[in-house]
Amino acid sequence: MEHNAQRAQKEDIMAKNTQRSRYSTSRRSLLLKGLAVGGAGALGAGLLTNGVPAFAKERSSGITRGDVAILRFLAAIEILETDLWQQYNELGGIPDSEVPGGTASAPYVNALQQLDGDMSQYIHDNTE
């Protein structure tokens, strides 16, 4: 008798736990809300890509001083990145004639091998 009472109590608890929450949502409404948010994001991205006349002035097709400054900045970053990869290759790259200067430091290469066995090849390939 006690066993039946415990079973009934457990079933009652389970029935309460399986009832839908008043905050639950269906799969269909979740998908519709997701599509609405995605559509709004795509619309916003389209406006930003094509330009918004309220925020931009009409200008000629010539290059501006600001454009030149941005291009110079990007070129400087590219030069720095190339230099850093060359230095990285000197420490841990594969020494060969394809990329000069890769003498490799044995302790550094051993430490790189612990992290990733292909790290020397990765460094070498990025230096090219």
Protein backbone atom coordinates (compact mmCIF):
# COMPACT_ATOMS: atom_id res chain seq x y z
CA MET A 1 0.00 0.00 0.00
CA GLU A 2 2.84 2.33 0.88
CA HIS A 3 4.52 1.41 -2.39
CA ASN A 4 1.41 2.48 -4.35
CA ALA A 5 1.26 5.79 -2.47
CA GLN A 6 4.89 6.56 -3.33
CA ARG A 7 4.30 5.65 -6.95
CA ALA A 8 1.23 7.90 -7.12
CA GLN A 9 3.21 10.74 -5.55
CA LYS A 10 6.03 10.33 -8.11
CA GLU A 11 3.55 10.24 -10.98
CA ASP A 12 1.91 13.41 -9.66
CA ILE A 13 5.30 15.15 -9.51
CA MET A 14 6.16 13.97 -13.02
CA ALA A 15 2.81 15.18 -14.35
CA LYS A 16 3.45 18.63 -12.91
CA ASN A 17 6.95 18.71 -14.44
CA THR A 18 5.74 17.73 -17.90
CA GLN A 19 3.13 20.47 -18.12
CA ARG A 20 3.97 23.24 -20.54
CA SER A 21 5.39 26.38 -19.10
CA ARG A 22 3.45 29.55 -19.79
CA TYR A 23 6.69 30.95 -21.25
CA SER A 24 7.31 28.05 -23.64
CA THR A 25 7.31 28.56 -27.36
CA SER A 26 6.61 26.26 -30.26
CA ARG A 27 9.17 25.31 -32.86
CA ARG A 28 7.17 27.10 -35.54
CA SER A 29 7.11 30.42 -33.68
CA LEU A 30 10.82 30.06 -32.89
CA LEU A 31 11.59 29.56 -36.59
CA LEU A 32 9.40 32.48 -37.61
CA LYS A 33 11.04 34.76 -35.06
CA GLY A 34 14.48 33.61 -36.24
CA LEU A 35 13.59 34.32 -39.85
CA ALA A 36 12.28 37.76 -38.93
CA VAL A 37 15.48 38.62 -37.07
CA GLY A 38 17.61 37.24 -39.91
CA GLY A 39 15.64 39.22 -42.47
CA ALA A 40 16.03 42.41 -40.47
CA GLY A 41 19.78 41.78 -40.22
CA ALA A 42 20.06 41.18 -43.96
CA LEU A 43 18.13 44.37 -44.65
CA GLY A 44 20.42 46.34 -42.36
CA ALA A 45 23.51 44.85 -43.97
CA GLY A 46 22.15 45.74 -47.41
CA LEU A 47 21.65 49.34 -46.37
CA LEU A 48 25.17 49.56 -45.01
CA THR A 49 26.67 47.96 -48.11
CA ASN A 50 24.92 50.25 -50.56
CA GLY A 51 25.47 53.33 -48.46
CA VAL A 52 22.98 55.51 -46.69
CA PRO A 53 22.64 58.96 -48.29
CA ALA A 54 21.76 60.55 -44.93
CA PHE A 55 25.25 59.77 -43.62
CA ALA A 56 27.33 60.13 -46.75
CA LYS A 57 28.01 63.07 -49.01
CA GLU A 58 28.02 62.83 -52.76
CA ARG A 59 31.60 62.96 -53.98
CA SER A 60 33.51 62.76 -57.18
CA SER A 61 35.01 59.57 -58.49
CA GLY A 62 38.53 60.77 -57.59
CA ILE A 63 40.56 59.40 -54.72
CA THR A 64 40.59 61.51 -51.56
CA ARG A 65 43.39 62.21 -49.09
CA GLY A 66 41.58 60.00 -46.59
CA ASP A 67 41.56 57.12 -49.08
CA VAL A 68 45.30 57.56 -49.64
CA ALA A 69 45.93 57.59 -45.88
CA ILE A 70 43.98 54.36 -45.41
CA LEU A 71 45.86 52.66 -48.25
CA ARG A 72 49.21 53.77 -46.82
CA PHE A 73 48.22 52.47 -43.39
CA LEU A 74 47.21 49.09 -44.83
CA ALA A 75 50.46 48.87 -46.82
CA ALA A 76 52.46 49.58 -43.65
CA ILE A 77 50.60 46.82 -41.80
CA GLU A 78 51.29 44.40 -44.66
CA ILE A 79 55.02 45.22 -44.52
CA LEU A 80 55.08 44.69 -40.75
CA GLU A 81 53.25 41.38 -41.06
CA THR A 82 55.71 40.16 -43.69
CA ASP A 83 58.66 41.15 -41.50
CA LEU A 84 57.19 39.38 -38.46
CA TRP A 85 56.58 36.17 -40.44
CA GLN A 86 60.19 36.27 -41.68
CA GLN A 87 61.46 36.65 -38.12
CA TYR A 88 59.14 33.86 -37.00
CA ASN A 89 60.58 31.66 -39.79
CA GLU A 90 64.12 32.42 -38.64
CA LEU A 91 63.23 31.09 -35.19
CA GLY A 92 61.05 28.11 -35.96
CA GLY A 93 60.62 27.62 -39.68
CA ILE A 94 62.02 24.93 -41.94
CA PRO A 95 65.49 25.94 -43.16
CA ASP A 96 65.70 25.62 -46.95
CA SER A 97 66.58 27.64 -50.04
CA GLU A 98 62.93 28.45 -50.77
CA VAL A 99 62.69 30.92 -47.87
CA PRO A 100 66.14 32.24 -46.96
CA GLY A 101 67.15 32.81 -43.36
CA GLY A 102 65.33 29.90 -41.75
CA THR A 103 68.13 28.69 -39.48
CA ALA A 104 65.74 27.61 -36.70
CA SER A 105 66.48 27.59 -32.98
CA ALA A 106 66.42 24.01 -31.66
CA PRO A 107 64.86 24.79 -28.25
CA TYR A 108 62.22 26.99 -29.89
CA VAL A 109 61.40 24.36 -32.53
CA ASN A 110 61.11 21.68 -29.82
CA ALA A 111 58.68 23.88 -27.89
CA LEU A 112 56.65 24.48 -31.08
CA GLN A 113 56.54 20.73 -31.74
CA GLN A 114 54.93 20.26 -28.32
CA LEU A 115 52.14 22.64 -29.33
CA ASP A 116 51.65 21.40 -32.89
CA GLY A 117 53.73 18.95 -34.89
CA ASP A 118 53.10 20.85 -38.13
CA MET A 119 53.91 24.31 -36.76
CA SER A 120 57.29 24.59 -38.55
CA GLN A 121 55.64 23.82 -41.88
CA TYR A 122 52.86 26.33 -41.13
CA ILE A 123 55.40 29.06 -40.38
CA HIS A 124 57.38 28.22 -43.51
CA ASP A 125 54.29 28.29 -45.74
CA ASN A 126 53.06 31.62 -44.35
CA THR A 127 56.46 33.21 -44.95
CA GLU A 128 56.38 32.48 -48.69
